[in-house]
Amino acid sequence: MASFESLCQYSLLFLHSEPTPAFIDQEKVQKEVHAVLTESASLSCEVAEDTTEVKWYKDGKLLISSRKFQIETLGKTRRLLVERLEKKDAGEYICEAAGQKLTFKLGVTGEFSLWH
């Protein structure tokens, strides 16, 4: 039978184990995205489980699905689509899952032109 001391050590090891990665294939993620004014931009990543829920943030502010920001789930892919880009859409976007974060940088370039 295990001693109380060895059970405590086992419990501590279990509590301090590394968290299961929420994101997979991080090296394939396009973390810097450049898009043109008035167009749309797509930020996407893969999660470890189909059921993993993510939250998207822009400059620290939680985003909700709207005409401007479309939040999509397809299998293990999580995607944020930013529609009708404006200069103010440039910045840092974060995808958060299970307390883990992936950071994206969105750059918006070009000028709106009536002759476009």
PDB file of N, CA and C in Angstrom:
ATOM      1  N   MET A   1       0.832  -1.172   0.000  1.00  0.00           N
ATOM      2  CA  MET A   1       0.000   0.000   0.000  1.00  0.00           C
ATOM      3  C   MET A   1       0.888   1.250   0.000  1.00  0.00           C
ATOM      4  N   ALA A   2       0.515   2.259  -0.774  1.00  0.00           N
ATOM      5  CA  ALA A   2       1.306   3.484  -0.884  1.00  0.00           C
ATOM      6  C   ALA A   2       1.190   4.310   0.384  1.00  0.00           C
ATOM      7  N   SER A   3       2.305   4.933   0.733  1.00  0.00           N
ATOM      8  CA  SER A   3       2.295   5.781   1.926  1.00  0.00           C
ATOM      9  C   SER A   3       1.594   7.101   1.612  1.00  0.00           C
ATOM     10  N   PHE A   4       1.190   7.770   2.674  1.00  0.00           N
ATOM     11  CA  PHE A   4       0.528   9.063   2.531  1.00  0.00           C
ATOM     12  C   PHE A   4       1.445  10.048   1.799  1.00  0.00           C
ATOM     13  N   GLU A   5       2.747  10.005   2.129  1.00  0.00           N
ATOM     14  CA  GLU A   5       3.716  10.916   1.524  1.00  0.00           C
ATOM     15  C   GLU A   5       3.818  10.687   0.020  1.00  0.00           C
ATOM     16  N   SER A   6       3.883   9.422  -0.411  1.00  0.00           N
ATOM     17  CA  SER A   6       3.997   9.153  -1.846  1.00  0.00           C
ATOM     18  C   SER A   6       2.713   9.537  -2.583  1.00  0.00           C
ATOM     19  N   LEU A   7       1.556   9.371  -1.937  1.00  0.00           N
ATOM     20  CA  LEU A   7       0.293   9.796  -2.560  1.00  0.00           C
ATOM     21  C   LEU A   7       0.267  11.308  -2.743  1.00  0.00           C
ATOM     22  N   CYS A   8       0.768  12.045  -1.754  1.00  0.00           N
ATOM     23  CA  CYS A   8       0.814  13.504  -1.849  1.00  0.00           C
ATOM     24  C   CYS A   8       1.738  13.943  -2.975  1.00  0.00           C
ATOM     25  N   GLN A   9       2.893  13.296  -3.100  1.00  0.00           N
ATOM     26  CA  GLN A   9       3.826  13.641  -4.176  1.00  0.00           C
ATOM     27  C   GLN A   9       3.191  13.356  -5.535  1.00  0.00           C
ATOM     28  N   TYR A  10       2.504  12.235  -5.677  1.00  0.00           N
ATOM     29  CA  TYR A  10       1.837  11.896  -6.929  1.00  0.00           C
ATOM     30  C   TYR A  10       0.771  12.939  -7.250  1.00  0.00           C
ATOM     31  N   SER A  11       0.000  13.338  -6.249  1.00  0.00           N
ATOM     32  CA  SER A  11      -1.050  14.335  -6.457  1.00  0.00           C
ATOM     33  C   SER A  11      -0.454  15.657  -6.895  1.00  0.00           C
ATOM     34  N   LEU A  12       0.642  16.061  -6.287  1.00  0.00           N
ATOM     35  CA  LEU A  12       1.286  17.313  -6.679  1.00  0.00           C
ATOM     36  C   LEU A  12       1.795  17.247  -8.112  1.00  0.00           C
ATOM     37  N   LEU A  13       2.383  16.133  -8.490  1.00  0.00           N
ATOM     38  CA  LEU A  13       2.849  15.976  -9.868  1.00  0.00           C
ATOM     39  C   LEU A  13       1.680  16.066 -10.840  1.00  0.00           C
ATOM     40  N   PHE A  14       0.589  15.456 -10.484  1.00  0.00           N
ATOM     41  CA  PHE A  14      -0.589  15.468 -11.348  1.00  0.00           C
ATOM     42  C   PHE A  14      -1.135  16.889 -11.499  1.00  0.00           C
ATOM     43  N   LEU A  15      -1.175  17.629 -10.407  1.00  0.00           N
ATOM     44  CA  LEU A  15      -1.700  18.988 -10.441  1.00  0.00           C
ATOM     45  C   LEU A  15      -0.810  19.933 -11.243  1.00  0.00           C
ATOM     46  N   HIS A  16       0.476  19.671 -11.292  1.00  0.00           N
ATOM     47  CA  HIS A  16       1.418  20.560 -11.966  1.00  0.00           C
ATOM     48  C   HIS A  16       1.815  20.064 -13.361  1.00  0.00           C
ATOM     49  N   SER A  17       1.086  19.127 -13.900  1.00  0.00           N
ATOM     50  CA  SER A  17       1.425  18.645 -15.237  1.00  0.00           C
ATOM     51  C   SER A  17       1.081  19.712 -16.268  1.00  0.00           C
ATOM     52  N   GLU A  18       1.720  19.636 -17.400  1.00  0.00           N
ATOM     53  CA  GLU A  18       1.500  20.606 -18.469  1.00  0.00           C
ATOM     54  C   GLU A  18       0.078  20.494 -19.002  1.00  0.00           C
ATOM     55  N   PRO A  19      -0.554  21.630 -19.323  1.00  0.00           N
ATOM     56  CA  PRO A  19      -1.907  21.569 -19.890  1.00  0.00           C
ATOM     57  C   PRO A  19      -1.882  20.956 -21.290  1.00  0.00           C
ATOM     58  N   THR A  20      -2.956  20.314 -21.646  1.00  0.00           N
ATOM     59  CA  THR A  20      -3.076  19.763 -22.993  1.00  0.00           C
ATOM     60  C   THR A  20      -3.147  20.920 -23.976  1.00  0.00           C
ATOM     61  N   PRO A  21      -2.360  20.868 -25.050  1.00  0.00           N
ATOM     62  CA  PRO A  21      -2.398  21.971 -26.015  1.00  0.00           C
ATOM     63  C   PRO A  21      -3.800  22.143 -26.608  1.00  0.00           C
ATOM     64  N   ALA A  22      -4.284  23.376 -26.623  1.00  0.00           N
ATOM     65  CA  ALA A  22      -5.591  23.671 -27.205  1.00  0.00           C
ATOM     66  C   ALA A  22      -5.478  23.831 -28.711  1.00  0.00           C
ATOM     67  N   PHE A  23      -4.310  24.303 -29.180  1.00  0.00           N
ATOM     68  CA  PHE A  23      -4.093  24.557 -30.603  1.00  0.00           C
ATOM     69  C   PHE A  23      -3.136  23.527 -31.191  1.00  0.00           C
ATOM     70  N   ILE A  24      -3.354  23.164 -32.438  1.00  0.00           N
ATOM     71  CA  ILE A  24      -2.443  22.256 -33.139  1.00  0.00           C
ATOM     72  C   ILE A  24      -1.925  22.956 -34.392  1.00  0.00           C
ATOM     73  N   ASP A  25      -0.849  22.436 -34.941  1.00  0.00           N
ATOM     74  CA  ASP A  25      -0.251  22.962 -36.178  1.00  0.00           C
ATOM     75  C   ASP A  25       0.003  24.466 -36.094  1.00  0.00           C
ATOM     76  N   GLN A  26       0.472  24.934 -34.930  1.00  0.00           N
ATOM     77  CA  GLN A  26       0.700  26.368 -34.761  1.00  0.00           C
ATOM     78  C   GLN A  26       1.731  26.922 -35.732  1.00  0.00           C
ATOM     79  N   GLU A  27       2.685  26.076 -36.128  1.00  0.00           N
ATOM     80  CA  GLU A  27       3.719  26.539 -37.053  1.00  0.00           C
ATOM     81  C   GLU A  27       3.146  26.840 -38.444  1.00  0.00           C
ATOM     82  N   LYS A  28       1.958  26.316 -38.753  1.00  0.00           N
ATOM     83  CA  LYS A  28       1.339  26.549 -40.058  1.00  0.00           C
ATOM     84  C   LYS A  28       0.420  27.771 -40.063  1.00  0.00           C
ATOM     85  N   VAL A  29       0.193  28.345 -38.885  1.00  0.00           N
ATOM     86  CA  VAL A  29      -0.731  29.477 -38.770  1.00  0.00           C
ATOM     87  C   VAL A  29      -0.088  30.738 -39.343  1.00  0.00           C
ATOM     88  N   GLN A  30      -0.844  31.440 -40.192  1.00  0.00           N
ATOM     89  CA  GLN A  30      -0.383  32.711 -40.731  1.00  0.00           C
ATOM     90  C   GLN A  30      -0.696  33.779 -39.688  1.00  0.00           C
ATOM     91  N   LYS A  31       0.326  34.168 -38.922  1.00  0.00           N
ATOM     92  CA  LYS A  31       0.107  35.064 -37.784  1.00  0.00           C
ATOM     93  C   LYS A  31       0.174  36.539 -38.168  1.00  0.00           C
ATOM     94  N   GLU A  32       0.704  36.832 -39.347  1.00  0.00           N
ATOM     95  CA  GLU A  32       0.700  38.201 -39.845  1.00  0.00           C
ATOM     96  C   GLU A  32      -0.077  38.219 -41.142  1.00  0.00           C
ATOM     97  N   VAL A  33      -1.156  38.983 -41.145  1.00  0.00           N
ATOM     98  CA  VAL A  33      -2.036  39.048 -42.303  1.00  0.00           C
ATOM     99  C   VAL A  33      -2.097  40.491 -42.785  1.00  0.00           C
ATOM    100  N   HIS A  34      -1.926  40.679 -44.097  1.00  0.00           N
ATOM    101  CA  HIS A  34      -2.029  42.009 -44.690  1.00  0.00           C
ATOM    102  C   HIS A  34      -3.186  41.974 -45.677  1.00  0.00           C
ATOM    103  N   ALA A  35      -4.063  42.966 -45.570  1.00  0.00           N
ATOM    104  CA  ALA A  35      -5.228  43.011 -46.448  1.00  0.00           C
ATOM    105  C   ALA A  35      -5.463  44.450 -46.896  1.00  0.00           C
ATOM    106  N   VAL A  36      -6.318  44.603 -47.907  1.00  0.00           N
ATOM    107  CA  VAL A  36      -6.569  45.895 -48.537  1.00  0.00           C
ATOM    108  C   VAL A  36      -7.867  46.506 -48.010  1.00  0.00           C
ATOM    109  N   LEU A  37      -7.848  47.824 -47.842  1.00  0.00           N
ATOM    110  CA  LEU A  37      -9.046  48.553 -47.428  1.00  0.00           C
ATOM    111  C   LEU A  37     -10.248  48.132 -48.253  1.00  0.00           C
ATOM    112  N   THR A  38     -11.394  48.045 -47.629  1.00  0.00           N
ATOM    113  CA  THR A  38     -12.700  47.684 -48.199  1.00  0.00           C
ATOM    114  C   THR A  38     -12.834  46.194 -48.522  1.00  0.00           C
ATOM    115  N   GLU A  39     -11.740  45.444 -48.477  1.00  0.00           N
ATOM    116  CA  GLU A  39     -11.796  43.996 -48.713  1.00  0.00           C
ATOM    117  C   GLU A  39     -12.053  43.302 -47.373  1.00  0.00           C
ATOM    118  N   SER A  40     -11.907  41.973 -47.343  1.00  0.00           N
ATOM    119  CA  SER A  40     -12.055  41.234 -46.086  1.00  0.00           C
ATOM    120  C   SER A  40     -10.747  40.528 -45.760  1.00  0.00           C
ATOM    121  N   ALA A  41     -10.588  40.172 -44.495  1.00  0.00           N
ATOM    122  CA  ALA A  41      -9.396  39.451 -44.042  1.00  0.00           C
ATOM    123  C   ALA A  41      -9.837  38.248 -43.224  1.00  0.00           C
ATOM    124  N   SER A  42      -9.078  37.168 -43.334  1.00  0.00           N
ATOM    125  CA  SER A  42      -9.402  35.932 -42.633  1.00  0.00           C
ATOM    126  C   SER A  42      -8.240  35.537 -41.722  1.00  0.00           C
ATOM    127  N   LEU A  43      -8.562  35.302 -40.449  1.00  0.00           N
ATOM    128  CA  LEU A  43      -7.594  34.796 -39.475  1.00  0.00           C
ATOM    129  C   LEU A  43      -8.080  33.427 -39.048  1.00  0.00           C
ATOM    130  N   SER A  44      -7.221  32.419 -39.113  1.00  0.00           N
ATOM    131  CA  SER A  44      -7.696  31.085 -38.755  1.00  0.00           C
ATOM    132  C   SER A  44      -6.622  30.263 -38.067  1.00  0.00           C
ATOM    133  N   CYS A  45      -7.085  29.259 -37.320  1.00  0.00           N
ATOM    134  CA  CYS A  45      -6.203  28.341 -36.613  1.00  0.00           C
ATOM    135  C   CYS A  45      -6.920  27.009 -36.438  1.00  0.00           C
ATOM    136  N   GLU A  46      -6.161  26.009 -36.022  1.00  0.00           N
ATOM    137  CA  GLU A  46      -6.695  24.674 -35.785  1.00  0.00           C
ATOM    138  C   GLU A  46      -6.636  24.380 -34.291  1.00  0.00           C
ATOM    139  N   VAL A  47      -7.733  23.815 -33.763  1.00  0.00           N
ATOM    140  CA  VAL A  47      -7.775  23.414 -32.360  1.00  0.00           C
ATOM    141  C   VAL A  47      -7.658  21.897 -32.257  1.00  0.00           C
ATOM    142  N   ALA A  48      -7.305  21.426 -31.079  1.00  0.00           N
ATOM    143  CA  ALA A  48      -7.050  20.001 -30.890  1.00  0.00           C
ATOM    144  C   ALA A  48      -8.324  19.151 -30.936  1.00  0.00           C
ATOM    145  N   GLU A  49      -9.433  19.711 -30.502  1.00  0.00           N
ATOM    146  CA  GLU A  49     -10.697  18.968 -30.440  1.00  0.00           C
ATOM    147  C   GLU A  49     -11.785  19.699 -31.219  1.00  0.00           C
ATOM    148  N   ASP A  50     -12.655  18.944 -31.880  1.00  0.00           N
ATOM    149  CA  ASP A  50     -13.779  19.544 -32.615  1.00  0.00           C
ATOM    150  C   ASP A  50     -14.657  20.407 -31.718  1.00  0.00           C
ATOM    151  N   THR A  51     -14.750  20.036 -30.440  1.00  0.00           N
ATOM    152  CA  THR A  51     -15.656  20.716 -29.518  1.00  0.00           C
ATOM    153  C   THR A  51     -15.022  21.917 -28.808  1.00  0.00           C
ATOM    154  N   THR A  52     -13.750  22.180 -29.069  1.00  0.00           N
ATOM    155  CA  THR A  52     -13.066  23.290 -28.409  1.00  0.00           C
ATOM    156  C   THR A  52     -13.705  24.621 -28.801  1.00  0.00           C
ATOM    157  N   GLU A  53     -14.077  25.388 -27.788  1.00  0.00           N
ATOM    158  CA  GLU A  53     -14.641  26.708 -28.026  1.00  0.00           C
ATOM    159  C   GLU A  53     -13.533  27.748 -27.934  1.00  0.00           C
ATOM    160  N   VAL A  54     -13.604  28.752 -28.790  1.00  0.00           N
ATOM    161  CA  VAL A  54     -12.612  29.823 -28.766  1.00  0.00           C
ATOM    162  C   VAL A  54     -13.314  31.163 -28.607  1.00  0.00           C
ATOM    163  N   LYS A  55     -12.536  32.129 -28.149  1.00  0.00           N
ATOM    164  CA  LYS A  55     -12.987  33.518 -28.100  1.00  0.00           C
ATOM    165  C   LYS A  55     -11.970  34.337 -28.878  1.00  0.00           C
ATOM    166  N   TRP A  56     -12.475  35.291 -29.619  1.00  0.00           N
ATOM    167  CA  TRP A  56     -11.622  36.192 -30.402  1.00  0.00           C
ATOM    168  C   TRP A  56     -11.638  37.574 -29.756  1.00  0.00           C
ATOM    169  N   TYR A  57     -10.464  38.204 -29.728  1.00  0.00           N
ATOM    170  CA  TYR A  57     -10.309  39.543 -29.158  1.00  0.00           C
ATOM    171  C   TYR A  57      -9.598  40.449 -30.156  1.00  0.00           C
ATOM    172  N   LYS A  58      -9.972  41.709 -30.171  1.00  0.00           N
ATOM    173  CA  LYS A  58      -9.272  42.735 -30.969  1.00  0.00           C
ATOM    174  C   LYS A  58      -8.750  43.763 -29.997  1.00  0.00           C
ATOM    175  N   ASP A  59      -7.443  43.923 -29.940  1.00  0.00           N
ATOM    176  CA  ASP A  59      -6.808  44.863 -29.013  1.00  0.00           C
ATOM    177  C   ASP A  59      -7.363  44.694 -27.596  1.00  0.00           C
ATOM    178  N   GLY A  60      -7.566  43.437 -27.174  1.00  0.00           N
ATOM    179  CA  GLY A  60      -8.012  43.127 -25.831  1.00  0.00           C
ATOM    180  C   GLY A  60      -9.519  43.134 -25.617  1.00  0.00           C
ATOM    181  N   LYS A  61     -10.289  43.535 -26.621  1.00  0.00           N
ATOM    182  CA  LYS A  61     -11.750  43.607 -26.483  1.00  0.00           C
ATOM    183  C   LYS A  61     -12.396  42.370 -27.118  1.00  0.00           C
ATOM    184  N   LEU A  62     -13.283  41.708 -26.356  1.00  0.00           N
ATOM    185  CA  LEU A  62     -13.965  40.507 -26.839  1.00  0.00           C
ATOM    186  C   LEU A  62     -14.831  40.836 -28.052  1.00  0.00           C
ATOM    187  N   LEU A  63     -14.710  40.023 -29.104  1.00  0.00           N
ATOM    188  CA  LEU A  63     -15.508  40.206 -30.315  1.00  0.00           C
ATOM    189  C   LEU A  63     -16.694  39.253 -30.297  1.00  0.00           C
ATOM    190  N   ILE A  64     -17.803  39.714 -30.844  1.00  0.00           N
ATOM    191  CA  ILE A  64     -18.958  38.848 -31.030  1.00  0.00           C
ATOM    192  C   ILE A  64     -19.276  38.815 -32.513  1.00  0.00           C
ATOM    193  N   SER A  65     -19.905  37.747 -32.947  1.00  0.00           N
ATOM    194  CA  SER A  65     -20.239  37.589 -34.351  1.00  0.00           C
ATOM    195  C   SER A  65     -21.221  38.688 -34.765  1.00  0.00           C
ATOM    196  N   SER A  66     -20.929  39.338 -35.891  1.00  0.00           N
ATOM    197  CA  SER A  66     -21.745  40.436 -36.392  1.00  0.00           C
ATOM    198  C   SER A  66     -21.520  40.552 -37.895  1.00  0.00           C
ATOM    199  N   ARG A  67     -22.089  41.579 -38.507  1.00  0.00           N
ATOM    200  CA  ARG A  67     -21.819  41.798 -39.936  1.00  0.00           C
ATOM    201  C   ARG A  67     -20.351  42.093 -40.171  1.00  0.00           C
ATOM    202  N   LYS A  68     -19.735  42.778 -39.220  1.00  0.00           N
ATOM    203  CA  LYS A  68     -18.329  43.157 -39.326  1.00  0.00           C
ATOM    204  C   LYS A  68     -17.394  41.979 -39.052  1.00  0.00           C
ATOM    205  N   PHE A  69     -17.688  41.228 -37.994  1.00  0.00           N
ATOM    206  CA  PHE A  69     -16.846  40.108 -37.569  1.00  0.00           C
ATOM    207  C   PHE A  69     -17.640  38.811 -37.635  1.00  0.00           C
ATOM    208  N   GLN A  70     -17.259  37.922 -38.534  1.00  0.00           N
ATOM    209  CA  GLN A  70     -17.912  36.619 -38.624  1.00  0.00           C
ATOM    210  C   GLN A  70     -17.011  35.577 -37.963  1.00  0.00           C
ATOM    211  N   ILE A  71     -17.551  34.899 -36.961  1.00  0.00           N
ATOM    212  CA  ILE A  71     -16.803  33.880 -36.236  1.00  0.00           C
ATOM    213  C   ILE A  71     -17.324  32.527 -36.699  1.00  0.00           C
ATOM    214  N   GLU A  72     -16.412  31.709 -37.243  1.00  0.00           N
ATOM    215  CA  GLU A  72     -16.820  30.446 -37.861  1.00  0.00           C
ATOM    216  C   GLU A  72     -16.107  29.254 -37.238  1.00  0.00           C
ATOM    217  N   THR A  73     -16.814  28.128 -37.211  1.00  0.00           N
ATOM    218  CA  THR A  73     -16.287  26.851 -36.747  1.00  0.00           C
ATOM    219  C   THR A  73     -16.562  25.814 -37.810  1.00  0.00           C
ATOM    220  N   LEU A  74     -15.523  25.125 -38.251  1.00  0.00           N
ATOM    221  CA  LEU A  74     -15.683  24.042 -39.218  1.00  0.00           C
ATOM    222  C   LEU A  74     -14.726  22.932 -38.816  1.00  0.00           C
ATOM    223  N   GLY A  75     -15.271  21.872 -38.206  1.00  0.00           N
ATOM    224  CA  GLY A  75     -14.410  20.794 -37.706  1.00  0.00           C
ATOM    225  C   GLY A  75     -13.489  21.350 -36.641  1.00  0.00           C
ATOM    226  N   LYS A  76     -12.179  21.253 -36.858  1.00  0.00           N
ATOM    227  CA  LYS A  76     -11.196  21.774 -35.909  1.00  0.00           C
ATOM    228  C   LYS A  76     -10.707  23.174 -36.275  1.00  0.00           C
ATOM    229  N   THR A  77     -11.201  23.715 -37.374  1.00  0.00           N
ATOM    230  CA  THR A  77     -10.790  25.047 -37.808  1.00  0.00           C
ATOM    231  C   THR A  77     -11.650  26.113 -37.135  1.00  0.00           C
ATOM    232  N   ARG A  78     -10.970  27.140 -36.620  1.00  0.00           N
ATOM    233  CA  ARG A  78     -11.647  28.297 -36.048  1.00  0.00           C
ATOM    234  C   ARG A  78     -11.201  29.507 -36.867  1.00  0.00           C
ATOM    235  N   ARG A  79     -12.181  30.300 -37.322  1.00  0.00           N
ATOM    236  CA  ARG A  79     -11.848  31.388 -38.232  1.00  0.00           C
ATOM    237  C   ARG A  79     -12.580  32.661 -37.842  1.00  0.00           C
ATOM    238  N   LEU A  80     -11.872  33.768 -37.958  1.00  0.00           N
ATOM    239  CA  LEU A  80     -12.458  35.093 -37.799  1.00  0.00           C
ATOM    240  C   LEU A  80     -12.344  35.791 -39.145  1.00  0.00           C
ATOM    241  N   LEU A  81     -13.470  36.208 -39.675  1.00  0.00           N
ATOM    242  CA  LEU A  81     -13.512  36.928 -40.940  1.00  0.00           C
ATOM    243  C   LEU A  81     -13.870  38.374 -40.624  1.00  0.00           C
ATOM    244  N   VAL A  82     -12.987  39.291 -41.008  1.00  0.00           N
ATOM    245  CA  VAL A  82     -13.220  40.724 -40.792  1.00  0.00           C
ATOM    246  C   VAL A  82     -13.654  41.308 -42.132  1.00  0.00           C
ATOM    247  N   GLU A  83     -14.887  41.785 -42.173  1.00  0.00           N
ATOM    248  CA  GLU A  83     -15.475  42.286 -43.421  1.00  0.00           C
ATOM    249  C   GLU A  83     -15.248  43.788 -43.599  1.00  0.00           C
ATOM    250  N   ARG A  84     -15.266  44.249 -44.845  1.00  0.00           N
ATOM    251  CA  ARG A  84     -15.196  45.668 -45.204  1.00  0.00           C
ATOM    252  C   ARG A  84     -14.148  46.403 -44.368  1.00  0.00           C
ATOM    253  N   LEU A  85     -12.896  46.038 -44.606  1.00  0.00           N
ATOM    254  CA  LEU A  85     -11.798  46.558 -43.793  1.00  0.00           C
ATOM    255  C   LEU A  85     -11.692  48.077 -43.819  1.00  0.00           C
ATOM    256  N   GLU A  86     -11.435  48.612 -42.634  1.00  0.00           N
ATOM    257  CA  GLU A  86     -11.152  50.025 -42.448  1.00  0.00           C
ATOM    258  C   GLU A  86      -9.800  50.113 -41.749  1.00  0.00           C
ATOM    259  N   LYS A  87      -9.209  51.301 -41.758  1.00  0.00           N
ATOM    260  CA  LYS A  87      -7.906  51.461 -41.117  1.00  0.00           C
ATOM    261  C   LYS A  87      -7.949  51.059 -39.643  1.00  0.00           C
ATOM    262  N   LYS A  88      -9.081  51.343 -38.973  1.00  0.00           N
ATOM    263  CA  LYS A  88      -9.190  51.027 -37.543  1.00  0.00           C
ATOM    264  C   LYS A  88      -9.212  49.523 -37.257  1.00  0.00           C
ATOM    265  N   ASP A  89      -9.382  48.690 -38.298  1.00  0.00           N
ATOM    266  CA  ASP A  89      -9.380  47.236 -38.110  1.00  0.00           C
ATOM    267  C   ASP A  89      -7.973  46.670 -37.967  1.00  0.00           C
ATOM    268  N   ALA A  90      -6.966  47.461 -38.341  1.00  0.00           N
ATOM    269  CA  ALA A  90      -5.583  47.004 -38.176  1.00  0.00           C
ATOM    270  C   ALA A  90      -5.291  46.862 -36.691  1.00  0.00           C
ATOM    271  N   GLY A  91      -4.451  45.893 -36.345  1.00  0.00           N
ATOM    272  CA  GLY A  91      -4.059  45.734 -34.951  1.00  0.00           C
ATOM    273  C   GLY A  91      -3.841  44.295 -34.565  1.00  0.00           C
ATOM    274  N   GLU A  92      -3.924  44.054 -33.267  1.00  0.00           N
ATOM    275  CA  GLU A  92      -3.656  42.727 -32.711  1.00  0.00           C
ATOM    276  C   GLU A  92      -4.975  41.996 -32.433  1.00  0.00           C
ATOM    277  N   TYR A  93      -5.038  40.769 -32.921  1.00  0.00           N
ATOM    278  CA  TYR A  93      -6.187  39.906 -32.688  1.00  0.00           C
ATOM    279  C   TYR A  93      -5.689  38.673 -31.941  1.00  0.00           C
ATOM    280  N   ILE A  94      -6.485  38.199 -30.996  1.00  0.00           N
ATOM    281  CA  ILE A  94      -6.109  37.014 -30.220  1.00  0.00           C
ATOM    282  C   ILE A  94      -7.232  35.989 -30.299  1.00  0.00           C
ATOM    283  N   CYS A  95      -6.837  34.748 -30.544  1.00  0.00           N
ATOM    284  CA  CYS A  95      -7.754  33.622 -30.448  1.00  0.00           C
ATOM    285  C   CYS A  95      -7.388  32.902 -29.152  1.00  0.00           C
ATOM    286  N   GLU A  96      -8.373  32.754 -28.260  1.00  0.00           N
ATOM    287  CA  GLU A  96      -8.115  32.142 -26.957  1.00  0.00           C
ATOM    288  C   GLU A  96      -8.948  30.873 -26.800  1.00  0.00           C
ATOM    289  N   ALA A  97      -8.297  29.811 -26.371  1.00  0.00           N
ATOM    290  CA  ALA A  97      -8.972  28.534 -26.109  1.00  0.00           C
ATOM    291  C   ALA A  97      -8.336  27.909 -24.877  1.00  0.00           C
ATOM    292  N   ALA A  98      -9.154  27.520 -23.922  1.00  0.00           N
ATOM    293  CA  ALA A  98      -8.691  26.835 -22.707  1.00  0.00           C
ATOM    294  C   ALA A  98      -7.540  27.588 -22.037  1.00  0.00           C
ATOM    295  N   GLY A  99      -7.636  28.911 -22.002  1.00  0.00           N
ATOM    296  CA  GLY A  99      -6.613  29.721 -21.354  1.00  0.00           C
ATOM    297  C   GLY A  99      -5.339  29.895 -22.159  1.00  0.00           C
ATOM    298  N   GLN A 100      -5.296  29.333 -23.363  1.00  0.00           N
ATOM    299  CA  GLN A 100      -4.133  29.463 -24.232  1.00  0.00           C
ATOM    300  C   GLN A 100      -4.461  30.449 -25.352  1.00  0.00           C
ATOM    301  N   LYS A 101      -3.441  31.163 -25.837  1.00  0.00           N
ATOM    302  CA  LYS A 101      -3.683  32.235 -26.806  1.00  0.00           C
ATOM    303  C   LYS A 101      -2.785  32.121 -28.024  1.00  0.00           C
ATOM    304  N   LEU A 102      -3.360  32.482 -29.161  1.00  0.00           N
ATOM    305  CA  LEU A 102      -2.603  32.674 -30.396  1.00  0.00           C
ATOM    306  C   LEU A 102      -2.804  34.129 -30.794  1.00  0.00           C
ATOM    307  N   THR A 103      -1.718  34.815 -31.101  1.00  0.00           N
ATOM    308  CA  THR A 103      -1.791  36.231 -31.438  1.00  0.00           C
ATOM    309  C   THR A 103      -1.580  36.422 -32.935  1.00  0.00           C
ATOM    310  N   PHE A 104      -2.432  37.250 -33.518  1.00  0.00           N
ATOM    311  CA  PHE A 104      -2.360  37.589 -34.941  1.00  0.00           C
ATOM    312  C   PHE A 104      -2.171  39.097 -35.070  1.00  0.00           C
ATOM    313  N   LYS A 105      -1.467  39.509 -36.119  1.00  0.00           N
ATOM    314  CA  LYS A 105      -1.329  40.928 -36.449  1.00  0.00           C
ATOM    315  C   LYS A 105      -1.994  41.135 -37.801  1.00  0.00           C
ATOM    316  N   LEU A 106      -2.922  42.095 -37.845  1.00  0.00           N
ATOM    317  CA  LEU A 106      -3.600  42.424 -39.096  1.00  0.00           C
ATOM    318  C   LEU A 106      -3.164  43.808 -39.541  1.00  0.00           C
ATOM    319  N   GLY A 107      -2.627  43.865 -40.745  1.00  0.00           N
ATOM    320  CA  GLY A 107      -2.248  45.142 -41.347  1.00  0.00           C
ATOM    321  C   GLY A 107      -3.215  45.464 -42.472  1.00  0.00           C
ATOM    322  N   VAL A 108      -3.673  46.696 -42.517  1.00  0.00           N
ATOM    323  CA  VAL A 108      -4.612  47.127 -43.551  1.00  0.00           C
ATOM    324  C   VAL A 108      -3.899  48.163 -44.411  1.00  0.00           C
ATOM    325  N   THR A 109      -3.835  47.892 -45.702  1.00  0.00           N
ATOM    326  CA  THR A 109      -3.109  48.778 -46.615  1.00  0.00           C
ATOM    327  C   THR A 109      -3.999  49.244 -47.751  1.00  0.00           C
ATOM    328  N   GLY A 110      -3.514  50.233 -48.479  1.00  0.00           N
ATOM    329  CA  GLY A 110      -4.241  50.715 -49.648  1.00  0.00           C
ATOM    330  C   GLY A 110      -5.164  51.845 -49.302  1.00  0.00           C
ATOM    331  N   GLU A 111      -5.627  52.478 -50.323  1.00  0.00           N
ATOM    332  CA  GLU A 111      -6.523  53.619 -50.167  1.00  0.00           C
ATOM    333  C   GLU A 111      -7.810  53.321 -50.885  1.00  0.00           C
ATOM    334  N   PHE A 112      -8.898  53.785 -50.309  1.00  0.00           N
ATOM    335  CA  PHE A 112     -10.193  53.637 -50.978  1.00  0.00           C
ATOM    336  C   PHE A 112     -10.212  54.549 -52.201  1.00  0.00           C
ATOM    337  N   SER A 113     -10.706  54.043 -53.306  1.00  0.00           N
ATOM    338  CA  SER A 113     -10.759  54.830 -54.521  1.00  0.00           C
ATOM    339  C   SER A 113     -12.106  54.644 -55.206  1.00  0.00           C
ATOM    340  N   LEU A 114     -12.715  55.745 -55.627  1.00  0.00           N
ATOM    341  CA  LEU A 114     -13.975  55.658 -56.369  1.00  0.00           C
ATOM    342  C   LEU A 114     -13.738  55.083 -57.758  1.00  0.00           C
ATOM    343  N   TRP A 115     -12.509  55.126 -58.222  1.00  0.00           N
ATOM    344  CA  TRP A 115     -12.170  54.644 -59.573  1.00  0.00           C
ATOM    345  C   TRP A 115     -11.768  53.183 -59.567  1.00  0.00           C
ATOM    346  N   HIS A 116     -11.860  52.544 -58.438  1.00  0.00           N
ATOM    347  CA  HIS A 116     -11.437  51.155 -58.241  1.00  0.00           C
ATOM    348  C   HIS A 116     -12.287  50.208 -59.045  1.00  0.00           C
TER     349      HIS A 116
END
